[in-house]
C-alpha atoms as a PDB file:
ATOM      1  CA  MET A   1      16.136 -25.459  99.165  1.00  0.00           C
ATOM      2  CA  ASN A   2      17.033 -27.913  96.417  1.00  0.00           C
ATOM      3  CA  THR A   3      20.481 -26.359  95.973  1.00  0.00           C
ATOM      4  CA  THR A   4      21.216 -26.730  99.667  1.00  0.00           C
ATOM      5  CA  GLN A   5      20.254 -30.400  99.561  1.00  0.00           C
ATOM      6  CA  ASP A   6      22.358 -30.919  96.439  1.00  0.00           C
ATOM      7  CA  ASP A   7      25.329 -29.270  98.122  1.00  0.00           C
ATOM      8  CA  TYR A   8      24.817 -31.425 101.204  1.00  0.00           C
ATOM      9  CA  VAL A   9      24.622 -34.617  99.132  1.00  0.00           C
ATOM     10  CA  ARG A  10      27.672 -33.601  97.091  1.00  0.00           C
ATOM     11  CA  GLU A  11      29.678 -32.864 100.246  1.00  0.00           C
ATOM     12  CA  LYS A  12      28.698 -36.142 101.926  1.00  0.00           C
ATOM     13  CA  THR A  13      29.446 -38.086  98.746  1.00  0.00           C
ATOM     14  CA  ARG A  14      32.857 -36.428  98.486  1.00  0.00           C
ATOM     15  CA  ARG A  15      33.610 -37.321 102.101  1.00  0.00           C
ATOM     16  CA  ILE A  16      32.572 -40.950 101.644  1.00  0.00           C
ATOM     17  CA  VAL A  17      34.571 -41.306  98.440  1.00  0.00           C
ATOM     18  CA  GLY A  18      37.544 -39.550 100.054  1.00  0.00           C
ATOM     19  CA  HIS A  19      37.490 -41.874 103.059  1.00  0.00           C
ATOM     20  CA  ALA A  20      37.248 -44.916 100.796  1.00  0.00           C
ATOM     21  CA  ALA A  21      40.192 -43.682  98.748  1.00  0.00           C
ATOM     22  CA  LEU A  22      42.256 -43.105 101.897  1.00  0.00           C
ATOM     23  CA  ARG A  23      41.426 -46.584 103.222  1.00  0.00           C
ATOM     24  CA  ARG A  24      42.408 -48.131  99.894  1.00  0.00           C
ATOM     25  CA  ALA A  25      45.668 -46.172  99.798  1.00  0.00           C
ATOM     26  CA  SER A  26      46.390 -47.219 103.372  1.00  0.00           C
ATOM     27  CA  ARG A  27      45.872 -50.896 102.488  1.00  0.00           C
ATOM     28  CA  ILE A  28      48.164 -50.554  99.473  1.00  0.00           C
ATOM     29  CA  ILE A  29      50.881 -48.961 101.607  1.00  0.00           C
ATOM     30  CA  GLN A  30      50.525 -51.596 104.342  1.00  0.00           C
ATOM     31  CA  THR A  31      50.831 -54.370 101.745  1.00  0.00           C
ATOM     32  CA  TRP A  32      53.898 -52.700 100.252  1.00  0.00           C
ATOM     33  CA  GLN A  33      55.501 -52.328 103.697  1.00  0.00           C
ATOM     34  CA  ALA A  34      54.825 -55.985 104.517  1.00  0.00           C
ATOM     35  CA  GLU A  35      56.425 -57.039 101.222  1.00  0.00           C
ATOM     36  CA  GLU A  36      59.475 -54.872 101.915  1.00  0.00           C
ATOM     37  CA  GLN A  37      59.814 -56.342 105.418  1.00  0.00           C
ATOM     38  CA  GLU A  38      59.644 -59.849 103.943  1.00  0.00           C
ATOM     39  CA  LYS A  39      62.336 -58.961 101.392  1.00  0.00           C
ATOM     40  CA  THR A  40      64.523 -57.616 104.205  1.00  0.00           C
ATOM     41  CA  ARG A  41      64.032 -60.807 106.207  1.00  0.00           C
ATOM     42  CA  ILE A  42      64.948 -62.960 103.212  1.00  0.00           C
ATOM     43  CA  ALA A  43      68.021 -60.817 102.484  1.00  0.00           C
ATOM     44  CA  LYS A  44      69.199 -61.249 106.087  1.00  0.00           C
ATOM     45  CA  HIS A  45      68.816 -65.009 105.827  1.00  0.00           C
ATOM     46  CA  ILE A  46      70.728 -65.080 102.540  1.00  0.00           C
ATOM     47  CA  LEU A  47      73.505 -62.985 104.100  1.00  0.00           C
ATOM     48  CA  LEU A  48      73.708 -65.292 107.118  1.00  0.00           C
ATOM     49  CA  ILE A  49      73.880 -68.399 104.929  1.00  0.00           C
ATOM     50  CA  THR A  50      76.542 -66.787 102.741  1.00  0.00           C
ATOM     51  CA  LEU A  51      78.624 -65.863 105.791  1.00  0.00           C
ATOM     52  CA  LEU A  52      78.295 -69.382 107.211  1.00  0.00           C
ATOM     53  CA  LEU A  53      79.342 -70.933 103.901  1.00  0.00           C
ATOM     54  CA  ALA A  54      82.296 -68.558 103.609  1.00  0.00           C
ATOM     55  CA  ALA A  55      83.386 -69.332 107.176  1.00  0.00           C
ATOM     56  CA  SER A  56      83.018 -73.073 106.544  1.00  0.00           C
ATOM     57  CA  GLY A  57      85.020 -72.753 103.333  1.00  0.00           C
ATOM     58  CA  GLY A  58      87.716 -70.792 105.138  1.00  0.00           C
ATOM     59  CA  ILE A  59      87.957 -73.372 107.899  1.00  0.00           C
ATOM     60  CA  CYS A  60      88.127 -76.237 105.384  1.00  0.00           C
ATOM     61  CA  PHE A  61      90.764 -74.419 103.378  1.00  0.00           C
ATOM     62  CA  TYR A  62      92.804 -73.787 106.532  1.00  0.00           C
ATOM     63  CA  LEU A  63      92.501 -77.391 107.763  1.00  0.00           C
ATOM     64  CA  PHE A  64      93.101 -79.197 104.465  1.00  0.00           C
ATOM     65  CA  ARG A  65      95.714 -77.086 102.702  1.00  0.00           C
END
């Protein structure tokens, strides 16, 4: 009887620890994805600003040459 209880406790403990590990991994992945999305957003803004500055420079060069 004791072995059966030990097996039951071991199995339940493994499940609880496994679920906790999966939740932690999920949070880590979600944080990583949010950081990557933020980096993508920043890169798009930098690209837009660069294009606007290049266009402005081109227009100024064309007008004042």
